[in-house]
Protein backbone atom coordinates (compact mmCIF):
# COMPACT_ATOMS: atom_id res chain seq x y z
CA UNK A 1 0.00 0.00 0.00
CA UNK A 2 1.42 3.36 -1.04
CA UNK A 3 1.61 6.14 1.49
CA UNK A 4 1.19 9.74 0.50
CA UNK A 5 4.39 11.72 0.97
CA UNK A 6 4.00 14.98 2.80
CA UNK A 7 5.28 17.88 0.75
CA UNK A 8 8.13 19.81 2.34
CA UNK A 9 7.00 23.24 3.46
CA UNK A 10 8.83 26.47 2.72
CA UNK A 11 8.31 30.21 3.17
CA UNK A 12 5.48 30.25 0.63
CA UNK A 13 3.42 28.25 3.12
CA UNK A 14 3.90 30.90 5.79
CA UNK A 15 4.31 34.27 4.07
CA UNK A 16 1.75 36.94 4.85
CA UNK A 17 3.01 40.06 3.09
CA UNK A 18 2.20 40.73 -0.55
CA UNK A 19 4.95 43.35 -0.61
CA UNK A 20 7.49 40.56 -0.10
CA UNK A 21 5.98 38.53 -2.92
CA UNK A 22 5.88 41.51 -5.30
CA UNK A 23 9.51 42.35 -4.52
CA UNK A 24 10.75 38.79 -5.02
CA UNK A 25 9.03 38.61 -8.41
CA UNK A 26 9.27 42.12 -9.89
CA UNK A 27 12.32 43.90 -8.50
CA UNK A 28 14.35 45.35 -11.38
CA UNK A 29 11.61 44.76 -13.98
CA UNK A 30 9.37 47.10 -15.99
CA UNK A 31 6.54 46.43 -13.55
CA UNK A 32 5.78 49.01 -10.88
CA UNK A 33 4.47 47.81 -7.55
CA UNK A 34 3.65 49.10 -4.11
CA UNK A 35 0.65 50.10 -2.00
CA UNK A 36 -1.98 52.68 -2.84
CA UNK A 37 -3.07 54.51 0.31
CA UNK A 38 -6.18 56.66 0.48
CA UNK A 39 -8.90 57.58 2.92
CA UNK A 40 -12.68 57.65 2.78
CA UNK A 41 -14.63 60.37 4.59
CA UNK A 42 -16.96 58.82 7.12
CA UNK A 43 -18.69 61.81 8.69
CA UNK A 44 -22.35 62.81 8.32
CA UNK A 45 -21.57 64.37 4.91
CA UNK A 46 -19.59 61.43 3.51
CA UNK A 47 -19.65 60.73 -0.19
CA UNK A 48 -22.42 58.30 -1.15
CA UNK A 49 -19.93 56.18 -3.10
CA UNK A 50 -17.81 55.10 -0.14
CA UNK A 51 -16.71 51.50 -0.42
CA UNK A 52 -17.81 49.89 2.79
CA UNK A 53 -20.11 50.77 5.63
CA UNK A 54 -18.06 52.12 8.54
CA UNK A 55 -18.36 50.39 11.89
CA UNK A 56 -20.56 52.19 14.40
CA UNK A 57 -17.65 53.63 16.34
CA UNK A 58 -16.40 55.43 13.21
CA UNK A 59 -19.67 57.11 12.22
CA UNK A 60 -19.00 60.30 14.13
CA UNK A 61 -16.63 61.83 11.58
CA UNK A 62 -13.71 59.41 11.53
CA UNK A 63 -11.88 58.36 8.38
CA UNK A 64 -11.50 54.88 6.92
CA UNK A 65 -8.02 54.24 5.53
CA UNK A 66 -7.27 51.81 2.70
CA UNK A 67 -3.90 50.26 1.88
CA UNK A 68 -4.09 48.35 -1.38
CA UNK A 69 -1.23 46.22 -2.77
CA UNK A 70 -0.91 47.24 -6.42
CA UNK A 71 0.90 46.05 -9.56
CA UNK A 72 1.17 48.29 -12.63
CA UNK A 73 2.63 47.80 -16.09
CA UNK A 74 2.69 50.37 -18.93
CA UNK A 75 1.66 47.81 -21.57
CA UNK A 76 -0.80 45.80 -19.47
CA UNK A 77 -2.72 47.93 -16.95
CA UNK A 78 -3.30 48.01 -13.20
CA UNK A 79 -4.25 45.28 -10.71
CA UNK A 80 -5.23 45.54 -7.05
CA UNK A 81 -4.79 42.68 -4.59
CA UNK A 82 -5.84 41.36 -1.22
CA UNK A 83 -4.85 38.26 0.74
CA UNK A 84 -7.42 35.81 2.10
CA UNK A 85 -6.25 34.40 5.43
CA UNK A 86 -7.48 31.60 7.68
CA UNK A 87 -7.13 31.26 11.42
CA UNK A 88 -5.58 28.06 12.76
CA UNK A 89 -8.94 26.85 14.05
CA UNK A 90 -10.91 27.65 10.88
CA UNK A 91 -12.62 24.91 8.90
CA UNK A 92 -11.22 24.70 5.35
CA UNK A 93 -14.57 25.82 3.95
CA UNK A 94 -14.07 29.14 5.69
CA UNK A 95 -11.69 29.89 2.81
CA UNK A 96 -14.68 30.14 0.47
CA UNK A 97 -16.21 32.88 2.60
CA UNK A 98 -12.91 34.75 2.94
CA UNK A 99 -12.30 34.68 -0.80
CA UNK A 100 -15.80 36.01 -1.42
CA UNK A 101 -15.31 38.79 1.14
CA UNK A 102 -11.97 39.91 -0.26
CA UNK A 103 -13.18 39.78 -3.85
CA UNK A 104 -16.25 41.84 -3.00
CA UNK A 105 -14.11 44.37 -1.13
CA UNK A 106 -11.67 44.65 -4.03
CA UNK A 107 -14.27 45.03 -6.75
CA UNK A 108 -15.94 47.86 -4.85
CA UNK A 109 -12.51 49.36 -4.28
CA UNK A 110 -11.67 49.17 -7.97
CA UNK A 111 -14.95 50.93 -8.73
CA UNK A 112 -14.08 53.68 -6.26
CA UNK A 113 -10.65 54.20 -7.85
CA UNK A 114 -12.19 54.40 -11.32
CA UNK A 115 -14.70 56.91 -9.95
CA UNK A 116 -11.90 59.06 -8.57
CA UNK A 117 -9.94 58.85 -11.80
CA UNK A 118 -12.95 60.00 -13.78
CA UNK A 119 -13.06 63.04 -11.54
CA UNK A 120 -10.03 64.16 -13.55
CA UNK A 121 -11.04 65.45 -16.98
CA UNK A 122 -8.32 63.56 -18.82
CA UNK A 123 -9.52 60.16 -17.56
CA UNK A 124 -13.24 60.60 -18.02
CA UNK A 125 -14.66 57.73 -20.14
CA UNK A 126 -11.21 56.30 -20.95
CA UNK A 127 -11.25 52.46 -21.11
CA UNK A 128 -8.62 51.45 -18.58
CA UNK A 129 -7.45 47.85 -18.06
CA UNK A 130 -7.96 47.55 -14.33
CA UNK A 131 -8.80 44.52 -12.22
CA UNK A 132 -8.40 42.62 -8.98
CA UNK A 133 -6.76 39.46 -7.67
CA UNK A 134 -7.16 37.55 -4.42
CA UNK A 135 -4.11 35.69 -3.10
CA UNK A 136 -4.11 32.92 -0.50
CA UNK A 137 -1.34 30.76 0.89
CA UNK A 138 -3.86 27.91 1.14
CA UNK A 139 -4.87 25.45 -1.57
CA UNK A 140 -8.15 26.42 -3.12
CA UNK A 141 -9.56 23.15 -4.42
CA UNK A 142 -12.35 23.47 -6.95
CA UNK A 143 -15.00 22.70 -4.34
CA UNK A 144 -13.76 25.60 -2.20
CA UNK A 145 -13.77 28.25 -4.94
CA UNK A 146 -16.73 30.62 -4.57
CA UNK A 147 -19.19 30.42 -7.45
CA UNK A 148 -19.26 34.22 -7.55
CA UNK A 149 -15.49 34.50 -8.19
CA UNK A 150 -13.99 33.50 -11.53
CA UNK A 151 -11.04 31.11 -11.34
CA UNK A 152 -8.38 33.47 -12.83
CA UNK A 153 -8.98 35.97 -10.03
CA UNK A 154 -7.79 33.54 -7.31
CA UNK A 155 -4.07 32.80 -6.93
CA UNK A 156 -3.67 30.01 -4.39
CA UNK A 157 -0.73 28.20 -2.80
CA UNK A 158 -0.11 25.90 -5.77
CA UNK A 159 0.07 28.91 -8.12
CA UNK A 160 2.39 31.06 -5.98
CA UNK A 161 5.67 29.81 -7.53
CA UNK A 162 4.26 30.93 -10.91
CA UNK A 163 2.88 34.20 -9.56
CA UNK A 164 4.26 36.30 -12.43
CA UNK A 165 2.59 34.10 -15.05
CA UNK A 166 -0.69 34.12 -13.15
CA UNK A 167 -0.60 37.92 -12.91
CA UNK A 168 -0.05 38.18 -16.67
CA UNK A 169 -3.01 35.84 -17.17
CA UNK A 170 -5.03 38.14 -14.94
CA UNK A 171 -4.07 41.16 -17.04
CA UNK A 172 -5.23 39.23 -20.12
CA UNK A 173 -8.47 38.33 -18.35
CA UNK A 174 -9.28 42.01 -17.79
CA UNK A 175 -8.23 43.09 -21.29
CA UNK A 176 -11.38 43.26 -23.43
CA UNK A 177 -12.37 44.91 -26.72
CA UNK A 178 -13.70 47.76 -24.60
CA UNK A 179 -10.60 48.03 -22.37
CA UNK A 180 -7.24 47.85 -24.11
CA UNK A 181 -3.88 49.20 -22.94
CA UNK A 182 -3.05 52.31 -24.97
CA UNK A 183 0.63 53.30 -25.20
CA UNK A 184 0.05 57.00 -25.63
CA UNK A 185 -1.37 57.43 -22.13
CA UNK A 186 -0.40 54.28 -20.22
CA UNK A 187 2.63 55.92 -18.61
CA UNK A 188 0.42 58.82 -17.61
CA UNK A 189 -1.91 56.39 -15.85
CA UNK A 190 0.99 55.01 -13.85
CA UNK A 191 2.13 58.52 -12.92
CA UNK A 192 -1.40 59.41 -11.83
CA UNK A 193 -1.71 56.38 -9.57
CA UNK A 194 1.80 56.53 -8.11
CA UNK A 195 1.90 60.30 -7.57
CA UNK A 196 2.84 61.41 -4.08
CA UNK A 197 -0.33 62.75 -2.44
CA UNK A 198 -2.13 62.66 -5.77
CA UNK A 199 -5.82 62.67 -6.57
CA UNK A 200 -6.16 59.03 -5.50
CA UNK A 201 -4.15 59.41 -2.29
CA UNK A 202 -0.51 58.49 -1.79
CA UNK A 203 1.53 55.60 -3.16
CA UNK A 204 4.16 53.69 -1.19
CA UNK A 205 6.39 52.59 -4.03
CA UNK A 206 8.60 49.59 -4.60
CA UNK A 207 11.68 51.17 -3.01
CA UNK A 208 10.02 51.02 0.40
CA UNK A 209 8.95 47.42 -0.12
CA UNK A 210 12.42 46.42 -1.36
CA UNK A 211 14.03 47.96 1.72
CA UNK A 212 11.73 46.01 4.03
CA UNK A 213 12.28 42.81 2.07
CA UNK A 214 16.05 43.19 2.33
CA UNK A 215 15.76 43.55 6.09
CA UNK A 216 14.06 40.17 6.25
CA UNK A 217 16.91 38.49 4.31
CA UNK A 218 14.80 38.07 1.16
CA UNK A 219 12.87 35.00 2.33
CA UNK A 220 11.11 34.23 -0.98
CA UNK A 221 14.16 34.34 -3.26
CA UNK A 222 14.43 31.13 -5.27
CA UNK A 223 10.86 30.11 -4.50
CA UNK A 224 9.07 32.17 -7.15
CA UNK A 225 9.73 32.93 -10.79
CA UNK A 226 11.26 36.36 -11.37
CA UNK A 227 10.66 38.93 -14.10
CA UNK A 228 13.66 40.63 -15.70
C-alpha atoms as a PDB file:
ATOM      1  CA  UNK A   1       0.000   0.000   0.000  1.00  0.00           C
ATOM      2  CA  UNK A   2       1.424   3.365  -1.042  1.00  0.00           C
ATOM      3  CA  UNK A   3       1.609   6.143   1.488  1.00  0.00           C
ATOM      4  CA  UNK A   4       1.191   9.744   0.502  1.00  0.00           C
ATOM      5  CA  UNK A   5       4.389  11.715   0.974  1.00  0.00           C
ATOM      6  CA  UNK A   6       4.001  14.976   2.799  1.00  0.00           C
ATOM      7  CA  UNK A   7       5.285  17.880   0.751  1.00  0.00           C
ATOM      8  CA  UNK A   8       8.128  19.810   2.341  1.00  0.00           C
ATOM      9  CA  UNK A   9       7.000  23.236   3.461  1.00  0.00           C
ATOM     10  CA  UNK A  10       8.826  26.475   2.723  1.00  0.00           C
ATOM     11  CA  UNK A  11       8.312  30.211   3.170  1.00  0.00           C
ATOM     12  CA  UNK A  12       5.482  30.249   0.634  1.00  0.00           C
ATOM     13  CA  UNK A  13       3.416  28.248   3.124  1.00  0.00           C
ATOM     14  CA  UNK A  14       3.900  30.900   5.786  1.00  0.00           C
ATOM     15  CA  UNK A  15       4.309  34.267   4.066  1.00  0.00           C
ATOM     16  CA  UNK A  16       1.752  36.937   4.850  1.00  0.00           C
ATOM     17  CA  UNK A  17       3.013  40.056   3.093  1.00  0.00           C
ATOM     18  CA  UNK A  18       2.196  40.729  -0.548  1.00  0.00           C
ATOM     19  CA  UNK A  19       4.945  43.350  -0.613  1.00  0.00           C
ATOM     20  CA  UNK A  20       7.488  40.560  -0.103  1.00  0.00           C
ATOM     21  CA  UNK A  21       5.977  38.529  -2.925  1.00  0.00           C
ATOM     22  CA  UNK A  22       5.881  41.511  -5.297  1.00  0.00           C
ATOM     23  CA  UNK A  23       9.511  42.352  -4.516  1.00  0.00           C
ATOM     24  CA  UNK A  24      10.751  38.790  -5.018  1.00  0.00           C
ATOM     25  CA  UNK A  25       9.027  38.608  -8.410  1.00  0.00           C
ATOM     26  CA  UNK A  26       9.271  42.115  -9.893  1.00  0.00           C
ATOM     27  CA  UNK A  27      12.320  43.899  -8.498  1.00  0.00           C
ATOM     28  CA  UNK A  28      14.346  45.351 -11.383  1.00  0.00           C
ATOM     29  CA  UNK A  29      11.610  44.756 -13.977  1.00  0.00           C
ATOM     30  CA  UNK A  30       9.374  47.103 -15.988  1.00  0.00           C
ATOM     31  CA  UNK A  31       6.542  46.427 -13.550  1.00  0.00           C
ATOM     32  CA  UNK A  32       5.778  49.015 -10.884  1.00  0.00           C
ATOM     33  CA  UNK A  33       4.474  47.808  -7.546  1.00  0.00           C
ATOM     34  CA  UNK A  34       3.647  49.105  -4.108  1.00  0.00           C
ATOM     35  CA  UNK A  35       0.653  50.104  -1.996  1.00  0.00           C
ATOM     36  CA  UNK A  36      -1.978  52.683  -2.839  1.00  0.00           C
ATOM     37  CA  UNK A  37      -3.074  54.513   0.312  1.00  0.00           C
ATOM     38  CA  UNK A  38      -6.176  56.656   0.482  1.00  0.00           C
ATOM     39  CA  UNK A  39      -8.901  57.582   2.924  1.00  0.00           C
ATOM     40  CA  UNK A  40     -12.681  57.648   2.780  1.00  0.00           C
ATOM     41  CA  UNK A  41     -14.634  60.373   4.594  1.00  0.00           C
ATOM     42  CA  UNK A  42     -16.961  58.822   7.123  1.00  0.00           C
ATOM     43  CA  UNK A  43     -18.694  61.812   8.691  1.00  0.00           C
ATOM     44  CA  UNK A  44     -22.352  62.806   8.318  1.00  0.00           C
ATOM     45  CA  UNK A  45     -21.575  64.371   4.914  1.00  0.00           C
ATOM     46  CA  UNK A  46     -19.593  61.428   3.511  1.00  0.00           C
ATOM     47  CA  UNK A  47     -19.647  60.732  -0.190  1.00  0.00           C
ATOM     48  CA  UNK A  48     -22.419  58.297  -1.152  1.00  0.00           C
ATOM     49  CA  UNK A  49     -19.925  56.179  -3.103  1.00  0.00           C
ATOM     50  CA  UNK A  50     -17.811  55.101  -0.144  1.00  0.00           C
ATOM     51  CA  UNK A  51     -16.714  51.500  -0.418  1.00  0.00           C
ATOM     52  CA  UNK A  52     -17.807  49.891   2.794  1.00  0.00           C
ATOM     53  CA  UNK A  53     -20.108  50.774   5.629  1.00  0.00           C
ATOM     54  CA  UNK A  54     -18.060  52.115   8.537  1.00  0.00           C
ATOM     55  CA  UNK A  55     -18.362  50.389  11.889  1.00  0.00           C
ATOM     56  CA  UNK A  56     -20.563  52.189  14.398  1.00  0.00           C
ATOM     57  CA  UNK A  57     -17.649  53.630  16.343  1.00  0.00           C
ATOM     58  CA  UNK A  58     -16.402  55.429  13.215  1.00  0.00           C
ATOM     59  CA  UNK A  59     -19.669  57.108  12.215  1.00  0.00           C
ATOM     60  CA  UNK A  60     -18.996  60.299  14.129  1.00  0.00           C
ATOM     61  CA  UNK A  61     -16.634  61.830  11.585  1.00  0.00           C
ATOM     62  CA  UNK A  62     -13.710  59.414  11.533  1.00  0.00           C
ATOM     63  CA  UNK A  63     -11.880  58.357   8.379  1.00  0.00           C
ATOM     64  CA  UNK A  64     -11.505  54.881   6.916  1.00  0.00           C
ATOM     65  CA  UNK A  65      -8.020  54.241   5.525  1.00  0.00           C
ATOM     66  CA  UNK A  66      -7.275  51.808   2.704  1.00  0.00           C
ATOM     67  CA  UNK A  67      -3.899  50.255   1.880  1.00  0.00           C
ATOM     68  CA  UNK A  68      -4.095  48.347  -1.380  1.00  0.00           C
ATOM     69  CA  UNK A  69      -1.233  46.222  -2.768  1.00  0.00           C
ATOM     70  CA  UNK A  70      -0.908  47.244  -6.418  1.00  0.00           C
ATOM     71  CA  UNK A  71       0.898  46.049  -9.563  1.00  0.00           C
ATOM     72  CA  UNK A  72       1.171  48.289 -12.629  1.00  0.00           C
ATOM     73  CA  UNK A  73       2.626  47.804 -16.094  1.00  0.00           C
ATOM     74  CA  UNK A  74       2.692  50.366 -18.929  1.00  0.00           C
ATOM     75  CA  UNK A  75       1.657  47.812 -21.567  1.00  0.00           C
ATOM     76  CA  UNK A  76      -0.796  45.803 -19.471  1.00  0.00           C
ATOM     77  CA  UNK A  77      -2.725  47.927 -16.953  1.00  0.00           C
ATOM     78  CA  UNK A  78      -3.302  48.009 -13.204  1.00  0.00           C
ATOM     79  CA  UNK A  79      -4.253  45.283 -10.711  1.00  0.00           C
ATOM     80  CA  UNK A  80      -5.229  45.542  -7.049  1.00  0.00           C
ATOM     81  CA  UNK A  81      -4.787  42.676  -4.586  1.00  0.00           C
ATOM     82  CA  UNK A  82      -5.844  41.364  -1.217  1.00  0.00           C
ATOM     83  CA  UNK A  83      -4.853  38.262   0.736  1.00  0.00           C
ATOM     84  CA  UNK A  84      -7.420  35.809   2.099  1.00  0.00           C
ATOM     85  CA  UNK A  85      -6.248  34.404   5.433  1.00  0.00           C
ATOM     86  CA  UNK A  86      -7.477  31.603   7.677  1.00  0.00           C
ATOM     87  CA  UNK A  87      -7.127  31.257  11.422  1.00  0.00           C
ATOM     88  CA  UNK A  88      -5.576  28.063  12.757  1.00  0.00           C
ATOM     89  CA  UNK A  89      -8.945  26.852  14.053  1.00  0.00           C
ATOM     90  CA  UNK A  90     -10.906  27.648  10.875  1.00  0.00           C
ATOM     91  CA  UNK A  91     -12.622  24.912   8.904  1.00  0.00           C
ATOM     92  CA  UNK A  92     -11.219  24.697   5.348  1.00  0.00           C
ATOM     93  CA  UNK A  93     -14.568  25.821   3.948  1.00  0.00           C
ATOM     94  CA  UNK A  94     -14.067  29.145   5.686  1.00  0.00           C
ATOM     95  CA  UNK A  95     -11.691  29.890   2.815  1.00  0.00           C
ATOM     96  CA  UNK A  96     -14.681  30.144   0.468  1.00  0.00           C
ATOM     97  CA  UNK A  97     -16.211  32.883   2.595  1.00  0.00           C
ATOM     98  CA  UNK A  98     -12.913  34.750   2.940  1.00  0.00           C
ATOM     99  CA  UNK A  99     -12.304  34.677  -0.803  1.00  0.00           C
ATOM    100  CA  UNK A 100     -15.804  36.006  -1.420  1.00  0.00           C
ATOM    101  CA  UNK A 101     -15.314  38.789   1.141  1.00  0.00           C
ATOM    102  CA  UNK A 102     -11.966  39.912  -0.261  1.00  0.00           C
ATOM    103  CA  UNK A 103     -13.182  39.783  -3.845  1.00  0.00           C
ATOM    104  CA  UNK A 104     -16.253  41.843  -2.995  1.00  0.00           C
ATOM    105  CA  UNK A 105     -14.115  44.373  -1.134  1.00  0.00           C
ATOM    106  CA  UNK A 106     -11.670  44.653  -4.030  1.00  0.00           C
ATOM    107  CA  UNK A 107     -14.274  45.033  -6.755  1.00  0.00           C
ATOM    108  CA  UNK A 108     -15.938  47.861  -4.849  1.00  0.00           C
ATOM    109  CA  UNK A 109     -12.505  49.355  -4.280  1.00  0.00           C
ATOM    110  CA  UNK A 110     -11.670  49.168  -7.969  1.00  0.00           C
ATOM    111  CA  UNK A 111     -14.952  50.927  -8.734  1.00  0.00           C
ATOM    112  CA  UNK A 112     -14.080  53.682  -6.264  1.00  0.00           C
ATOM    113  CA  UNK A 113     -10.655  54.197  -7.846  1.00  0.00           C
ATOM    114  CA  UNK A 114     -12.190  54.404 -11.321  1.00  0.00           C
ATOM    115  CA  UNK A 115     -14.696  56.906  -9.954  1.00  0.00           C
ATOM    116  CA  UNK A 116     -11.903  59.064  -8.567  1.00  0.00           C
ATOM    117  CA  UNK A 117      -9.941  58.854 -11.801  1.00  0.00           C
ATOM    118  CA  UNK A 118     -12.949  59.997 -13.784  1.00  0.00           C
ATOM    119  CA  UNK A 119     -13.059  63.044 -11.539  1.00  0.00           C
ATOM    120  CA  UNK A 120     -10.028  64.161 -13.551  1.00  0.00           C
ATOM    121  CA  UNK A 121     -11.045  65.450 -16.977  1.00  0.00           C
ATOM    122  CA  UNK A 122      -8.318  63.558 -18.822  1.00  0.00           C
ATOM    123  CA  UNK A 123      -9.516  60.162 -17.559  1.00  0.00           C
ATOM    124  CA  UNK A 124     -13.242  60.599 -18.023  1.00  0.00           C
ATOM    125  CA  UNK A 125     -14.659  57.726 -20.141  1.00  0.00           C
ATOM    126  CA  UNK A 126     -11.212  56.296 -20.948  1.00  0.00           C
ATOM    127  CA  UNK A 127     -11.255  52.461 -21.108  1.00  0.00           C
ATOM    128  CA  UNK A 128      -8.616  51.448 -18.577  1.00  0.00           C
ATOM    129  CA  UNK A 129      -7.453  47.853 -18.064  1.00  0.00           C
ATOM    130  CA  UNK A 130      -7.956  47.545 -14.328  1.00  0.00           C
ATOM    131  CA  UNK A 131      -8.801  44.518 -12.223  1.00  0.00           C
ATOM    132  CA  UNK A 132      -8.404  42.617  -8.976  1.00  0.00           C
ATOM    133  CA  UNK A 133      -6.761  39.464  -7.674  1.00  0.00           C
ATOM    134  CA  UNK A 134      -7.160  37.548  -4.416  1.00  0.00           C
ATOM    135  CA  UNK A 135      -4.106  35.685  -3.101  1.00  0.00           C
ATOM    136  CA  UNK A 136      -4.112  32.925  -0.504  1.00  0.00           C
ATOM    137  CA  UNK A 137      -1.342  30.757   0.887  1.00  0.00           C
ATOM    138  CA  UNK A 138      -3.859  27.912   1.135  1.00  0.00           C
ATOM    139  CA  UNK A 139      -4.870  25.451  -1.566  1.00  0.00           C
ATOM    140  CA  UNK A 140      -8.152  26.419  -3.116  1.00  0.00           C
ATOM    141  CA  UNK A 141      -9.555  23.149  -4.419  1.00  0.00           C
ATOM    142  CA  UNK A 142     -12.353  23.470  -6.945  1.00  0.00           C
ATOM    143  CA  UNK A 143     -15.000  22.702  -4.344  1.00  0.00           C
ATOM    144  CA  UNK A 144     -13.761  25.604  -2.199  1.00  0.00           C
ATOM    145  CA  UNK A 145     -13.770  28.246  -4.937  1.00  0.00           C
ATOM    146  CA  UNK A 146     -16.725  30.618  -4.571  1.00  0.00           C
ATOM    147  CA  UNK A 147     -19.191  30.420  -7.454  1.00  0.00           C
ATOM    148  CA  UNK A 148     -19.262  34.217  -7.548  1.00  0.00           C
ATOM    149  CA  UNK A 149     -15.490  34.504  -8.189  1.00  0.00           C
ATOM    150  CA  UNK A 150     -13.989  33.497 -11.533  1.00  0.00           C
ATOM    151  CA  UNK A 151     -11.044  31.106 -11.343  1.00  0.00           C
ATOM    152  CA  UNK A 152      -8.385  33.466 -12.833  1.00  0.00           C
ATOM    153  CA  UNK A 153      -8.979  35.965 -10.026  1.00  0.00           C
ATOM    154  CA  UNK A 154      -7.789  33.540  -7.308  1.00  0.00           C
ATOM    155  CA  UNK A 155      -4.069  32.800  -6.927  1.00  0.00           C
ATOM    156  CA  UNK A 156      -3.675  30.008  -4.393  1.00  0.00           C
ATOM    157  CA  UNK A 157      -0.730  28.201  -2.804  1.00  0.00           C
ATOM    158  CA  UNK A 158      -0.113  25.899  -5.765  1.00  0.00           C
ATOM    159  CA  UNK A 159       0.069  28.906  -8.119  1.00  0.00           C
ATOM    160  CA  UNK A 160       2.386  31.056  -5.983  1.00  0.00           C
ATOM    161  CA  UNK A 161       5.672  29.806  -7.526  1.00  0.00           C
ATOM    162  CA  UNK A 162       4.256  30.929 -10.905  1.00  0.00           C
ATOM    163  CA  UNK A 163       2.879  34.196  -9.558  1.00  0.00           C
ATOM    164  CA  UNK A 164       4.262  36.305 -12.432  1.00  0.00           C
ATOM    165  CA  UNK A 165       2.595  34.103 -15.049  1.00  0.00           C
ATOM    166  CA  UNK A 166      -0.690  34.122 -13.146  1.00  0.00           C
ATOM    167  CA  UNK A 167      -0.600  37.916 -12.908  1.00  0.00           C
ATOM    168  CA  UNK A 168      -0.050  38.182 -16.669  1.00  0.00           C
ATOM    169  CA  UNK A 169      -3.009  35.841 -17.167  1.00  0.00           C
ATOM    170  CA  UNK A 170      -5.035  38.136 -14.945  1.00  0.00           C
ATOM    171  CA  UNK A 171      -4.070  41.165 -17.039  1.00  0.00           C
ATOM    172  CA  UNK A 172      -5.225  39.230 -20.121  1.00  0.00           C
ATOM    173  CA  UNK A 173      -8.474  38.328 -18.347  1.00  0.00           C
ATOM    174  CA  UNK A 174      -9.282  42.006 -17.793  1.00  0.00           C
ATOM    175  CA  UNK A 175      -8.234  43.087 -21.287  1.00  0.00           C
ATOM    176  CA  UNK A 176     -11.384  43.257 -23.429  1.00  0.00           C
ATOM    177  CA  UNK A 177     -12.369  44.910 -26.724  1.00  0.00           C
ATOM    178  CA  UNK A 178     -13.703  47.763 -24.597  1.00  0.00           C
ATOM    179  CA  UNK A 179     -10.603  48.028 -22.375  1.00  0.00           C
ATOM    180  CA  UNK A 180      -7.238  47.847 -24.109  1.00  0.00           C
ATOM    181  CA  UNK A 181      -3.879  49.201 -22.942  1.00  0.00           C
ATOM    182  CA  UNK A 182      -3.046  52.314 -24.973  1.00  0.00           C
ATOM    183  CA  UNK A 183       0.626  53.296 -25.197  1.00  0.00           C
ATOM    184  CA  UNK A 184       0.052  56.995 -25.628  1.00  0.00           C
ATOM    185  CA  UNK A 185      -1.366  57.431 -22.129  1.00  0.00           C
ATOM    186  CA  UNK A 186      -0.402  54.279 -20.221  1.00  0.00           C
ATOM    187  CA  UNK A 187       2.626  55.923 -18.613  1.00  0.00           C
ATOM    188  CA  UNK A 188       0.417  58.821 -17.612  1.00  0.00           C
ATOM    189  CA  UNK A 189      -1.915  56.388 -15.852  1.00  0.00           C
ATOM    190  CA  UNK A 190       0.993  55.014 -13.845  1.00  0.00           C
ATOM    191  CA  UNK A 191       2.126  58.517 -12.924  1.00  0.00           C
ATOM    192  CA  UNK A 192      -1.395  59.414 -11.833  1.00  0.00           C
ATOM    193  CA  UNK A 193      -1.711  56.380  -9.567  1.00  0.00           C
ATOM    194  CA  UNK A 194       1.795  56.525  -8.111  1.00  0.00           C
ATOM    195  CA  UNK A 195       1.898  60.299  -7.571  1.00  0.00           C
ATOM    196  CA  UNK A 196       2.836  61.407  -4.083  1.00  0.00           C
ATOM    197  CA  UNK A 197      -0.335  62.748  -2.440  1.00  0.00           C
ATOM    198  CA  UNK A 198      -2.129  62.662  -5.773  1.00  0.00           C
ATOM    199  CA  UNK A 199      -5.822  62.668  -6.566  1.00  0.00           C
ATOM    200  CA  UNK A 200      -6.161  59.033  -5.496  1.00  0.00           C
ATOM    201  CA  UNK A 201      -4.154  59.412  -2.292  1.00  0.00           C
ATOM    202  CA  UNK A 202      -0.513  58.485  -1.794  1.00  0.00           C
ATOM    203  CA  UNK A 203       1.526  55.603  -3.163  1.00  0.00           C
ATOM    204  CA  UNK A 204       4.158  53.689  -1.195  1.00  0.00           C
ATOM    205  CA  UNK A 205       6.393  52.587  -4.034  1.00  0.00           C
ATOM    206  CA  UNK A 206       8.604  49.586  -4.600  1.00  0.00           C
ATOM    207  CA  UNK A 207      11.679  51.168  -3.012  1.00  0.00           C
ATOM    208  CA  UNK A 208      10.018  51.019   0.401  1.00  0.00           C
ATOM    209  CA  UNK A 209       8.954  47.416  -0.125  1.00  0.00           C
ATOM    210  CA  UNK A 210      12.420  46.415  -1.359  1.00  0.00           C
ATOM    211  CA  UNK A 211      14.027  47.960   1.716  1.00  0.00           C
ATOM    212  CA  UNK A 212      11.732  46.007   4.032  1.00  0.00           C
ATOM    213  CA  UNK A 213      12.279  42.811   2.072  1.00  0.00           C
ATOM    214  CA  UNK A 214      16.051  43.192   2.331  1.00  0.00           C
ATOM    215  CA  UNK A 215      15.758  43.552   6.093  1.00  0.00           C
ATOM    216  CA  UNK A 216      14.059  40.167   6.255  1.00  0.00           C
ATOM    217  CA  UNK A 217      16.909  38.492   4.312  1.00  0.00           C
ATOM    218  CA  UNK A 218      14.802  38.067   1.159  1.00  0.00           C
ATOM    219  CA  UNK A 219      12.874  34.996   2.328  1.00  0.00           C
ATOM    220  CA  UNK A 220      11.109  34.227  -0.983  1.00  0.00           C
ATOM    221  CA  UNK A 221      14.163  34.337  -3.257  1.00  0.00           C
ATOM    222  CA  UNK A 222      14.427  31.132  -5.269  1.00  0.00           C
ATOM    223  CA  UNK A 223      10.857  30.105  -4.503  1.00  0.00           C
ATOM    224  CA  UNK A 224       9.069  32.170  -7.148  1.00  0.00           C
ATOM    225  CA  UNK A 225       9.730  32.933 -10.788  1.00  0.00           C
ATOM    226  CA  UNK A 226      11.259  36.356 -11.372  1.00  0.00           C
ATOM    227  CA  UNK A 227      10.660  38.929 -14.104  1.00  0.00           C
ATOM    228  CA  UNK A 228      13.660  40.628 -15.702  1.00  0.00           C
END
